[in-house]
Amino acid sequence: MKHWYVYIMANKPNGVIYIGVTNSIEERLKEHKSKLYPKAFTARYNCNKLVCFEEFENGEVASIREVQFKRWKRDWKIKLIEEMNPIWSDLSMNWNFDTRRFRINN
C-alpha cells in the first residue's frame, strides 16, 4: 500500500517554511536537500530541514490536508511544528539516502 505525506520543510527554527505533499517522502526530500530544482522555493530559501510531517493512506485526503495547512495562519503552523518537534530538528537527519544522483556535474 502506498502512503502519502504532507510535510513541512524549514530553513531554521521560526524561519521560512514550505508545505508540500508527496507519495514518496524520501525521494522528495532528496530533491529538496540536493536542490535539484535550483529555482524552486525550497532551494532559493534553503528550506532543507524536515520539521514536521503527517502520513495518509489516501492521496486525496493528503492533498486536502496540504491545502488546509497552507491556509492556516503562520502561528498555527508553528504550533503544529512545535507539538511534533519542539526544537525544530531535521527529522530526516538520520535517514540514509544518497543524494549523489541528483547532483549536477559542472
PDB file of N, CA and C in Angstrom:
ATOM      1  N   MET A   1       0.846  -1.177   0.000  1.00  0.00           N
ATOM      2  CA  MET A   1       0.000   0.000   0.000  1.00  0.00           C
ATOM      3  C   MET A   1       0.897   1.249   0.000  1.00  0.00           C
ATOM      4  N   LYS A   2       0.564   2.168  -0.849  1.00  0.00           N
ATOM      5  CA  LYS A   2       1.319   3.416  -0.963  1.00  0.00           C
ATOM      6  C   LYS A   2       0.836   4.404   0.096  1.00  0.00           C
ATOM      7  N   HIS A   3       1.771   5.113   0.683  1.00  0.00           N
ATOM      8  CA  HIS A   3       1.432   6.127   1.675  1.00  0.00           C
ATOM      9  C   HIS A   3       1.699   7.516   1.101  1.00  0.00           C
ATOM     10  N   TRP A   4       0.964   8.461   1.581  1.00  0.00           N
ATOM     11  CA  TRP A   4       1.104   9.866   1.190  1.00  0.00           C
ATOM     12  C   TRP A   4       1.521  10.661   2.411  1.00  0.00           C
ATOM     13  N   TYR A   5       2.241  11.740   2.165  1.00  0.00           N
ATOM     14  CA  TYR A   5       2.759  12.557   3.257  1.00  0.00           C
ATOM     15  C   TYR A   5       2.525  14.033   2.972  1.00  0.00           C
ATOM     16  N   VAL A   6       2.078  14.729   3.994  1.00  0.00           N
ATOM     17  CA  VAL A   6       2.078  16.191   3.973  1.00  0.00           C
ATOM     18  C   VAL A   6       3.227  16.563   4.892  1.00  0.00           C
ATOM     19  N   TYR A   7       4.118  17.399   4.395  1.00  0.00           N
ATOM     20  CA  TYR A   7       5.336  17.663   5.140  1.00  0.00           C
ATOM     21  C   TYR A   7       5.640  19.158   5.168  1.00  0.00           C
ATOM     22  N   ILE A   8       6.414  19.537   6.180  1.00  0.00           N
ATOM     23  CA  ILE A   8       6.840  20.929   6.316  1.00  0.00           C
ATOM     24  C   ILE A   8       8.357  20.961   6.383  1.00  0.00           C
ATOM     25  N   MET A   9       8.941  21.761   5.502  1.00  0.00           N
ATOM     26  CA  MET A   9      10.380  21.989   5.471  1.00  0.00           C
ATOM     27  C   MET A   9      10.636  23.393   6.012  1.00  0.00           C
ATOM     28  N   ALA A  10      11.793  23.593   6.628  1.00  0.00           N
ATOM     29  CA  ALA A  10      12.172  24.912   7.146  1.00  0.00           C
ATOM     30  C   ALA A  10      13.660  25.129   6.941  1.00  0.00           C
ATOM     31  N   ASN A  11      14.054  26.389   7.007  1.00  0.00           N
ATOM     32  CA  ASN A  11      15.484  26.682   6.895  1.00  0.00           C
ATOM     33  C   ASN A  11      16.139  26.841   8.277  1.00  0.00           C
ATOM     34  N   LYS A  12      15.337  27.180   9.289  1.00  0.00           N
ATOM     35  CA  LYS A  12      15.828  27.319  10.665  1.00  0.00           C
ATOM     36  C   LYS A  12      14.601  27.451  11.569  1.00  0.00           C
ATOM     37  N   PRO A  13      14.768  27.322  12.888  1.00  0.00           N
ATOM     38  CA  PRO A  13      13.621  27.498  13.778  1.00  0.00           C
ATOM     39  C   PRO A  13      12.942  28.855  13.567  1.00  0.00           C
ATOM     40  N   ASN A  14      11.649  28.830  13.436  1.00  0.00           N
ATOM     41  CA  ASN A  14      10.831  30.025  13.217  1.00  0.00           C
ATOM     42  C   ASN A  14      11.228  30.796  11.960  1.00  0.00           C
ATOM     43  N   GLY A  15      11.862  30.118  11.029  1.00  0.00           N
ATOM     44  CA  GLY A  15      12.276  30.756   9.782  1.00  0.00           C
ATOM     45  C   GLY A  15      11.256  30.538   8.677  1.00  0.00           C
ATOM     46  N   VAL A  16      11.753  30.491   7.460  1.00  0.00           N
ATOM     47  CA  VAL A  16      10.911  30.269   6.290  1.00  0.00           C
ATOM     48  C   VAL A  16      10.428  28.830   6.315  1.00  0.00           C
ATOM     49  N   ILE A  17       9.147  28.624   6.009  1.00  0.00           N
ATOM     50  CA  ILE A  17       8.613  27.266   5.962  1.00  0.00           C
ATOM     51  C   ILE A  17       7.961  26.996   4.607  1.00  0.00           C
ATOM     52  N   TYR A  18       7.981  25.727   4.238  1.00  0.00           N
ATOM     53  CA  TYR A  18       7.404  25.259   2.984  1.00  0.00           C
ATOM     54  C   TYR A  18       6.555  24.042   3.296  1.00  0.00           C
ATOM     55  N   ILE A  19       5.379  23.963   2.712  1.00  0.00           N
ATOM     56  CA  ILE A  19       4.480  22.835   2.911  1.00  0.00           C
ATOM     57  C   ILE A  19       4.296  22.129   1.582  1.00  0.00           C
ATOM     58  N   GLY A  20       4.425  20.808   1.597  1.00  0.00           N
ATOM     59  CA  GLY A  20       4.260  20.032   0.380  1.00  0.00           C
ATOM     60  C   GLY A  20       3.556  18.719   0.648  1.00  0.00           C
ATOM     61  N   VAL A  21       3.218  18.024  -0.440  1.00  0.00           N
ATOM     62  CA  VAL A  21       2.587  16.703  -0.355  1.00  0.00           C
ATOM     63  C   VAL A  21       3.300  15.788  -1.340  1.00  0.00           C
ATOM     64  N   THR A  22       3.468  14.532  -0.958  1.00  0.00           N
ATOM     65  CA  THR A  22       4.153  13.576  -1.825  1.00  0.00           C
ATOM     66  C   THR A  22       3.745  12.154  -1.481  1.00  0.00           C
ATOM     67  N   ASN A  23       3.930  11.254  -2.439  1.00  0.00           N
ATOM     68  CA  ASN A  23       3.712   9.842  -2.150  1.00  0.00           C
ATOM     69  C   ASN A  23       5.048   9.110  -2.026  1.00  0.00           C
ATOM     70  N   SER A  24       6.129   9.864  -2.053  1.00  0.00           N
ATOM     71  CA  SER A  24       7.464   9.292  -1.893  1.00  0.00           C
ATOM     72  C   SER A  24       8.329  10.279  -1.110  1.00  0.00           C
ATOM     73  N   ILE A  25       8.191  10.264   0.188  1.00  0.00           N
ATOM     74  CA  ILE A  25       8.836  11.294   1.002  1.00  0.00           C
ATOM     75  C   ILE A  25      10.364  11.245   0.902  1.00  0.00           C
ATOM     76  N   GLU A  26      10.934  10.067   0.853  1.00  0.00           N
ATOM     77  CA  GLU A  26      12.396  10.001   0.765  1.00  0.00           C
ATOM     78  C   GLU A  26      12.895  10.597  -0.542  1.00  0.00           C
ATOM     79  N   GLU A  27      12.262  10.267  -1.649  1.00  0.00           N
ATOM     80  CA  GLU A  27      12.682  10.819  -2.939  1.00  0.00           C
ATOM     81  C   GLU A  27      12.487  12.333  -2.972  1.00  0.00           C
ATOM     82  N   ARG A  28      11.374  12.790  -2.430  1.00  0.00           N
ATOM     83  CA  ARG A  28      11.102  14.236  -2.440  1.00  0.00           C
ATOM     84  C   ARG A  28      12.124  14.980  -1.589  1.00  0.00           C
ATOM     85  N   LEU A  29      12.468  14.421  -0.434  1.00  0.00           N
ATOM     86  CA  LEU A  29      13.465  15.065   0.424  1.00  0.00           C
ATOM     87  C   LEU A  29      14.836  15.093  -0.239  1.00  0.00           C
ATOM     88  N   LYS A  30      15.173  14.041  -0.962  1.00  0.00           N
ATOM     89  CA  LYS A  30      16.434  14.045  -1.715  1.00  0.00           C
ATOM     90  C   LYS A  30      16.454  15.227  -2.679  1.00  0.00           C
ATOM     91  N   GLU A  31      15.338  15.449  -3.355  1.00  0.00           N
ATOM     92  CA  GLU A  31      15.254  16.562  -4.302  1.00  0.00           C
ATOM     93  C   GLU A  31      15.435  17.903  -3.594  1.00  0.00           C
ATOM     94  N   HIS A  32      14.751  18.069  -2.469  1.00  0.00           N
ATOM     95  CA  HIS A  32      14.877  19.328  -1.716  1.00  0.00           C
ATOM     96  C   HIS A  32      16.306  19.531  -1.220  1.00  0.00           C
ATOM     97  N   LYS A  33      16.873  18.511  -0.596  1.00  0.00           N
ATOM     98  CA  LYS A  33      18.190  18.650   0.020  1.00  0.00           C
ATOM     99  C   LYS A  33      19.306  18.845  -1.001  1.00  0.00           C
ATOM    100  N   SER A  34      19.147  18.258  -2.155  1.00  0.00           N
ATOM    101  CA  SER A  34      20.183  18.406  -3.185  1.00  0.00           C
ATOM    102  C   SER A  34      19.947  19.632  -4.068  1.00  0.00           C
ATOM    103  N   LYS A  35      18.834  20.321  -3.843  1.00  0.00           N
ATOM    104  CA  LYS A  35      18.463  21.497  -4.642  1.00  0.00           C
ATOM    105  C   LYS A  35      18.421  21.140  -6.129  1.00  0.00           C
ATOM    106  N   LEU A  36      17.772  20.006  -6.389  1.00  0.00           N
ATOM    107  CA  LEU A  36      17.637  19.517  -7.758  1.00  0.00           C
ATOM    108  C   LEU A  36      17.035  20.583  -8.670  1.00  0.00           C
ATOM    109  N   TYR A  37      16.092  21.331  -8.143  1.00  0.00           N
ATOM    110  CA  TYR A  37      15.461  22.420  -8.888  1.00  0.00           C
ATOM    111  C   TYR A  37      15.908  23.736  -8.255  1.00  0.00           C
ATOM    112  N   PRO A  38      17.005  24.331  -8.722  1.00  0.00           N
ATOM    113  CA  PRO A  38      17.608  25.492  -8.059  1.00  0.00           C
ATOM    114  C   PRO A  38      16.713  26.729  -8.000  1.00  0.00           C
ATOM    115  N   LYS A  39      15.718  26.828  -8.847  1.00  0.00           N
ATOM    116  CA  LYS A  39      14.830  27.990  -8.819  1.00  0.00           C
ATOM    117  C   LYS A  39      13.589  27.748  -7.958  1.00  0.00           C
ATOM    118  N   ALA A  40      13.459  26.561  -7.416  1.00  0.00           N
ATOM    119  CA  ALA A  40      12.308  26.226  -6.573  1.00  0.00           C
ATOM    120  C   ALA A  40      12.384  26.985  -5.243  1.00  0.00           C
ATOM    121  N   PHE A  41      11.246  27.168  -4.629  1.00  0.00           N
ATOM    122  CA  PHE A  41      11.139  27.896  -3.366  1.00  0.00           C
ATOM    123  C   PHE A  41      12.099  27.343  -2.314  1.00  0.00           C
ATOM    124  N   THR A  42      12.098  26.017  -2.125  1.00  0.00           N
ATOM    125  CA  THR A  42      12.932  25.435  -1.071  1.00  0.00           C
ATOM    126  C   THR A  42      14.410  25.643  -1.335  1.00  0.00           C
ATOM    127  N   ALA A  43      14.806  25.634  -2.585  1.00  0.00           N
ATOM    128  CA  ALA A  43      16.217  25.871  -2.921  1.00  0.00           C
ATOM    129  C   ALA A  43      16.582  27.329  -2.700  1.00  0.00           C
ATOM    130  N   ARG A  44      15.731  28.231  -3.155  1.00  0.00           N
ATOM    131  CA  ARG A  44      16.031  29.660  -3.020  1.00  0.00           C
ATOM    132  C   ARG A  44      16.103  30.102  -1.569  1.00  0.00           C
ATOM    133  N   TYR A  45      15.273  29.513  -0.706  1.00  0.00           N
ATOM    134  CA  TYR A  45      15.230  29.919   0.700  1.00  0.00           C
ATOM    135  C   TYR A  45      15.903  28.907   1.628  1.00  0.00           C
ATOM    136  N   ASN A  46      16.628  27.961   1.049  1.00  0.00           N
ATOM    137  CA  ASN A  46      17.387  26.972   1.808  1.00  0.00           C
ATOM    138  C   ASN A  46      16.535  26.210   2.824  1.00  0.00           C
ATOM    139  N   CYS A  47      15.322  25.861   2.436  1.00  0.00           N
ATOM    140  CA  CYS A  47      14.437  25.053   3.286  1.00  0.00           C
ATOM    141  C   CYS A  47      14.836  23.591   3.093  1.00  0.00           C
ATOM    142  N   ASN A  48      15.761  23.114   3.899  1.00  0.00           N
ATOM    143  CA  ASN A  48      16.287  21.772   3.720  1.00  0.00           C
ATOM    144  C   ASN A  48      16.136  20.887   4.953  1.00  0.00           C
ATOM    145  N   LYS A  49      15.325  21.328   5.911  1.00  0.00           N
ATOM    146  CA  LYS A  49      15.114  20.548   7.124  1.00  0.00           C
ATOM    147  C   LYS A  49      13.647  20.114   7.211  1.00  0.00           C
ATOM    148  N   LEU A  50      13.442  18.808   7.315  1.00  0.00           N
ATOM    149  CA  LEU A  50      12.096  18.275   7.518  1.00  0.00           C
ATOM    150  C   LEU A  50      11.748  18.475   8.985  1.00  0.00           C
ATOM    151  N   VAL A  51      10.789  19.346   9.270  1.00  0.00           N
ATOM    152  CA  VAL A  51      10.478  19.651  10.668  1.00  0.00           C
ATOM    153  C   VAL A  51       9.140  19.076  11.131  1.00  0.00           C
ATOM    154  N   CYS A  52       8.308  18.619  10.190  1.00  0.00           N
ATOM    155  CA  CYS A  52       7.004  18.086  10.572  1.00  0.00           C
ATOM    156  C   CYS A  52       6.431  17.315   9.387  1.00  0.00           C
ATOM    157  N   PHE A  53       5.705  16.243   9.660  1.00  0.00           N
ATOM    158  CA  PHE A  53       5.002  15.546   8.588  1.00  0.00           C
ATOM    159  C   PHE A  53       3.849  14.736   9.151  1.00  0.00           C
ATOM    160  N   GLU A  54       2.885  14.456   8.303  1.00  0.00           N
ATOM    161  CA  GLU A  54       1.765  13.589   8.627  1.00  0.00           C
ATOM    162  C   GLU A  54       1.646  12.563   7.510  1.00  0.00           C
ATOM    163  N   GLU A  55       1.253  11.345   7.860  1.00  0.00           N
ATOM    164  CA  GLU A  55       1.148  10.262   6.900  1.00  0.00           C
ATOM    165  C   GLU A  55      -0.326   9.925   6.645  1.00  0.00           C
ATOM    166  N   PHE A  56      -0.640   9.619   5.386  1.00  0.00           N
ATOM    167  CA  PHE A  56      -2.007   9.304   4.977  1.00  0.00           C
ATOM    168  C   PHE A  56      -2.001   8.093   4.059  1.00  0.00           C
ATOM    169  N   GLU A  57      -3.112   7.354   4.051  1.00  0.00           N
ATOM    170  CA  GLU A  57      -3.245   6.224   3.141  1.00  0.00           C
ATOM    171  C   GLU A  57      -3.917   6.631   1.837  1.00  0.00           C
ATOM    172  N   ASN A  58      -4.485   7.835   1.805  1.00  0.00           N
ATOM    173  CA  ASN A  58      -5.247   8.284   0.647  1.00  0.00           C
ATOM    174  C   ASN A  58      -4.678   9.608   0.148  1.00  0.00           C
ATOM    175  N   GLY A  59      -4.313   9.654  -1.129  1.00  0.00           N
ATOM    176  CA  GLY A  59      -3.719  10.857  -1.701  1.00  0.00           C
ATOM    177  C   GLY A  59      -4.658  12.042  -1.722  1.00  0.00           C
ATOM    178  N   GLU A  60      -5.935  11.792  -1.930  1.00  0.00           N
ATOM    179  CA  GLU A  60      -6.907  12.891  -1.956  1.00  0.00           C
ATOM    180  C   GLU A  60      -7.026  13.536  -0.577  1.00  0.00           C
ATOM    181  N   VAL A  61      -7.049  12.716   0.441  1.00  0.00           N
ATOM    182  CA  VAL A  61      -7.121  13.237   1.815  1.00  0.00           C
ATOM    183  C   VAL A  61      -5.849  14.025   2.133  1.00  0.00           C
ATOM    184  N   ALA A  62      -4.698  13.526   1.690  1.00  0.00           N
ATOM    185  CA  ALA A  62      -3.433  14.224   1.920  1.00  0.00           C
ATOM    186  C   ALA A  62      -3.433  15.583   1.217  1.00  0.00           C
ATOM    187  N   SER A  63      -3.935  15.633   0.004  1.00  0.00           N
ATOM    188  CA  SER A  63      -3.989  16.898  -0.750  1.00  0.00           C
ATOM    189  C   SER A  63      -4.901  17.913  -0.065  1.00  0.00           C
ATOM    190  N   ILE A  64      -6.003  17.440   0.455  1.00  0.00           N
ATOM    191  CA  ILE A  64      -6.926  18.324   1.187  1.00  0.00           C
ATOM    192  C   ILE A  64      -6.227  18.879   2.428  1.00  0.00           C
ATOM    193  N   ARG A  65      -5.498  18.020   3.128  1.00  0.00           N
ATOM    194  CA  ARG A  65      -4.778  18.453   4.335  1.00  0.00           C
ATOM    195  C   ARG A  65      -3.691  19.475   3.984  1.00  0.00           C
ATOM    196  N   GLU A  66      -2.991  19.273   2.868  1.00  0.00           N
ATOM    197  CA  GLU A  66      -1.970  20.225   2.439  1.00  0.00           C
ATOM    198  C   GLU A  66      -2.594  21.600   2.214  1.00  0.00           C
ATOM    199  N   VAL A  67      -3.714  21.647   1.520  1.00  0.00           N
ATOM    200  CA  VAL A  67      -4.393  22.926   1.262  1.00  0.00           C
ATOM    201  C   VAL A  67      -4.811  23.556   2.589  1.00  0.00           C
ATOM    202  N   GLN A  68      -5.309  22.731   3.499  1.00  0.00           N
ATOM    203  CA  GLN A  68      -5.702  23.231   4.821  1.00  0.00           C
ATOM    204  C   GLN A  68      -4.507  23.873   5.524  1.00  0.00           C
ATOM    205  N   PHE A  69      -3.363  23.178   5.538  1.00  0.00           N
ATOM    206  CA  PHE A  69      -2.153  23.731   6.160  1.00  0.00           C
ATOM    207  C   PHE A  69      -1.774  25.065   5.536  1.00  0.00           C
ATOM    208  N   LYS A  70      -1.810  25.123   4.228  1.00  0.00           N
ATOM    209  CA  LYS A  70      -1.382  26.333   3.538  1.00  0.00           C
ATOM    210  C   LYS A  70      -2.290  27.520   3.845  1.00  0.00           C
ATOM    211  N   ARG A  71      -3.521  27.253   4.192  1.00  0.00           N
ATOM    212  CA  ARG A  71      -4.463  28.335   4.528  1.00  0.00           C
ATOM    213  C   ARG A  71      -4.361  28.779   5.976  1.00  0.00           C
ATOM    214  N   TRP A  72      -3.706  27.994   6.794  1.00  0.00           N
ATOM    215  CA  TRP A  72      -3.576  28.332   8.209  1.00  0.00           C
ATOM    216  C   TRP A  72      -2.730  29.578   8.395  1.00  0.00           C
ATOM    217  N   LYS A  73      -2.978  30.262   9.512  1.00  0.00           N
ATOM    218  CA  LYS A  73      -2.119  31.372   9.921  1.00  0.00           C
ATOM    219  C   LYS A  73      -0.757  30.801  10.318  1.00  0.00           C
ATOM    220  N   ARG A  74       0.253  31.613  10.160  1.00  0.00           N
ATOM    221  CA  ARG A  74       1.618  31.177  10.485  1.00  0.00           C
ATOM    222  C   ARG A  74       1.727  30.663  11.929  1.00  0.00           C
ATOM    223  N   ASP A  75       1.086  31.339  12.858  1.00  0.00           N
ATOM    224  CA  ASP A  75       1.133  30.920  14.263  1.00  0.00           C
ATOM    225  C   ASP A  75       0.625  29.491  14.440  1.00  0.00           C
ATOM    226  N   TRP A  76      -0.413  29.129  13.714  1.00  0.00           N
ATOM    227  CA  TRP A  76      -0.972  27.777  13.811  1.00  0.00           C
ATOM    228  C   TRP A  76       0.013  26.758  13.270  1.00  0.00           C
ATOM    229  N   LYS A  77       0.697  27.109  12.176  1.00  0.00           N
ATOM    230  CA  LYS A  77       1.694  26.205  11.588  1.00  0.00           C
ATOM    231  C   LYS A  77       2.845  25.989  12.569  1.00  0.00           C
ATOM    232  N   ILE A  78       3.295  27.062  13.179  1.00  0.00           N
ATOM    233  CA  ILE A  78       4.390  26.962  14.143  1.00  0.00           C
ATOM    234  C   ILE A  78       3.980  26.101  15.336  1.00  0.00           C
ATOM    235  N   LYS A  79       2.755  26.269  15.793  1.00  0.00           N
ATOM    236  CA  LYS A  79       2.269  25.459  16.917  1.00  0.00           C
ATOM    237  C   LYS A  79       2.270  23.976  16.538  1.00  0.00           C
ATOM    238  N   LEU A  80       1.821  23.660  15.333  1.00  0.00           N
ATOM    239  CA  LEU A  80       1.811  22.273  14.870  1.00  0.00           C
ATOM    240  C   LEU A  80       3.230  21.711  14.833  1.00  0.00           C
ATOM    241  N   ILE A  81       4.157  22.471  14.274  1.00  0.00           N
ATOM    242  CA  ILE A  81       5.556  22.024  14.206  1.00  0.00           C
ATOM    243  C   ILE A  81       6.091  21.771  15.612  1.00  0.00           C
ATOM    244  N   GLU A  82       5.868  22.709  16.514  1.00  0.00           N
ATOM    245  CA  GLU A  82       6.444  22.600  17.857  1.00  0.00           C
ATOM    246  C   GLU A  82       5.791  21.512  18.694  1.00  0.00           C
ATOM    247  N   GLU A  83       4.553  21.119  18.354  1.00  0.00           N
ATOM    248  CA  GLU A  83       3.942  19.980  19.044  1.00  0.00           C
ATOM    249  C   GLU A  83       4.650  18.686  18.663  1.00  0.00           C
ATOM    250  N   MET A  84       5.056  18.575  17.420  1.00  0.00           N
ATOM    251  CA  MET A  84       5.735  17.368  16.951  1.00  0.00           C
ATOM    252  C   MET A  84       7.238  17.439  17.177  1.00  0.00           C
ATOM    253  N   ASN A  85       7.789  18.635  17.059  1.00  0.00           N
ATOM    254  CA  ASN A  85       9.240  18.795  17.007  1.00  0.00           C
ATOM    255  C   ASN A  85       9.630  20.118  17.688  1.00  0.00           C
ATOM    256  N   PRO A  86       9.615  20.163  19.021  1.00  0.00           N
ATOM    257  CA  PRO A  86       9.816  21.426  19.752  1.00  0.00           C
ATOM    258  C   PRO A  86      11.104  22.172  19.432  1.00  0.00           C
ATOM    259  N   ILE A  87      12.161  21.463  19.046  1.00  0.00           N
ATOM    260  CA  ILE A  87      13.433  22.158  18.781  1.00  0.00           C
ATOM    261  C   ILE A  87      13.708  22.316  17.281  1.00  0.00           C
ATOM    262  N   TRP A  88      12.730  22.012  16.453  1.00  0.00           N
ATOM    263  CA  TRP A  88      12.841  22.186  15.003  1.00  0.00           C
ATOM    264  C   TRP A  88      14.027  21.417  14.422  1.00  0.00           C
ATOM    265  N   SER A  89      14.309  20.238  14.968  1.00  0.00           N
ATOM    266  CA  SER A  89      15.412  19.459  14.407  1.00  0.00           C
ATOM    267  C   SER A  89      14.987  18.854  13.067  1.00  0.00           C
ATOM    268  N   ASP A  90      15.953  18.497  12.259  1.00  0.00           N
ATOM    269  CA  ASP A  90      15.693  17.875  10.964  1.00  0.00           C
ATOM    270  C   ASP A  90      15.320  16.421  11.217  1.00  0.00           C
ATOM    271  N   LEU A  91      14.047  16.091  11.044  1.00  0.00           N
ATOM    272  CA  LEU A  91      13.565  14.745  11.336  1.00  0.00           C
ATOM    273  C   LEU A  91      14.155  13.698  10.395  1.00  0.00           C
ATOM    274  N   SER A  92      14.702  14.136   9.284  1.00  0.00           N
ATOM    275  CA  SER A  92      15.299  13.196   8.325  1.00  0.00           C
ATOM    276  C   SER A  92      16.815  13.098   8.484  1.00  0.00           C
ATOM    277  N   MET A  93      17.343  13.709   9.520  1.00  0.00           N
ATOM    278  CA  MET A  93      18.798  13.779   9.698  1.00  0.00           C
ATOM    279  C   MET A  93      19.452  12.397   9.684  1.00  0.00           C
ATOM    280  N   ASN A  94      18.839  11.403  10.273  1.00  0.00           N
ATOM    281  CA  ASN A  94      19.436  10.073  10.350  1.00  0.00           C
ATOM    282  C   ASN A  94      18.942   9.115   9.275  1.00  0.00           C
ATOM    283  N   TRP A  95      18.176   9.632   8.325  1.00  0.00           N
ATOM    284  CA  TRP A  95      17.725   8.791   7.223  1.00  0.00           C
ATOM    285  C   TRP A  95      18.915   8.549   6.318  1.00  0.00           C
ATOM    286  N   ASN A  96      19.021   7.368   5.815  1.00  0.00           N
ATOM    287  CA  ASN A  96      20.141   7.013   4.942  1.00  0.00           C
ATOM    288  C   ASN A  96      19.719   7.112   3.492  1.00  0.00           C
ATOM    289  N   PHE A  97      19.886   8.272   2.899  1.00  0.00           N
ATOM    290  CA  PHE A  97      19.638   8.340   1.470  1.00  0.00           C
ATOM    291  C   PHE A  97      20.781   9.020   0.760  1.00  0.00           C
ATOM    292  N   ASP A  98      20.978   8.584  -0.463  1.00  0.00           N
ATOM    293  CA  ASP A  98      22.094   9.041  -1.281  1.00  0.00           C
ATOM    294  C   ASP A  98      21.603  10.109  -2.250  1.00  0.00           C
ATOM    295  N   THR A  99      22.115  11.322  -2.109  1.00  0.00           N
ATOM    296  CA  THR A  99      21.701  12.413  -2.996  1.00  0.00           C
ATOM    297  C   THR A  99      22.665  12.603  -4.152  1.00  0.00           C
ATOM    298  N   ARG A 100      23.670  11.747  -4.270  1.00  0.00           N
ATOM    299  CA  ARG A 100      24.669  11.930  -5.331  1.00  0.00           C
ATOM    300  C   ARG A 100      24.062  11.909  -6.729  1.00  0.00           C
ATOM    301  N   ARG A 101      23.047  11.093  -6.959  1.00  0.00           N
ATOM    302  CA  ARG A 101      22.491  11.013  -8.308  1.00  0.00           C
ATOM    303  C   ARG A 101      21.744  12.274  -8.699  1.00  0.00           C
ATOM    304  N   PHE A 102      21.469  13.143  -7.738  1.00  0.00           N
ATOM    305  CA  PHE A 102      20.779  14.391  -8.031  1.00  0.00           C
ATOM    306  C   PHE A 102      21.737  15.545  -8.283  1.00  0.00           C
ATOM    307  N   ARG A 103      22.994  15.377  -7.978  1.00  0.00           N
ATOM    308  CA  ARG A 103      23.947  16.471  -8.160  1.00  0.00           C
ATOM    309  C   ARG A 103      24.215  16.706  -9.634  1.00  0.00           C
ATOM    310  N   ILE A 104      24.328  17.951  -9.985  1.00  0.00           N
ATOM    311  CA  ILE A 104      24.598  18.310 -11.354  1.00  0.00           C
ATOM    312  C   ILE A 104      26.089  18.495 -11.518  1.00  0.00           C
ATOM    313  N   ASN A 105      26.660  17.842 -12.507  1.00  0.00           N
ATOM    314  CA  ASN A 105      28.098  17.975 -12.766  1.00  0.00           C
ATOM    315  C   ASN A 105      28.346  19.223 -13.566  1.00  0.00           C
ATOM    316  N   ASN A 106      29.299  20.021 -13.147  1.00  0.00           N
ATOM    317  CA  ASN A 106      29.664  21.254 -13.872  1.00  0.00           C
ATOM    318  C   ASN A 106      30.936  21.050 -14.653  1.00  0.00           C
TER     319      ASN A 106
END
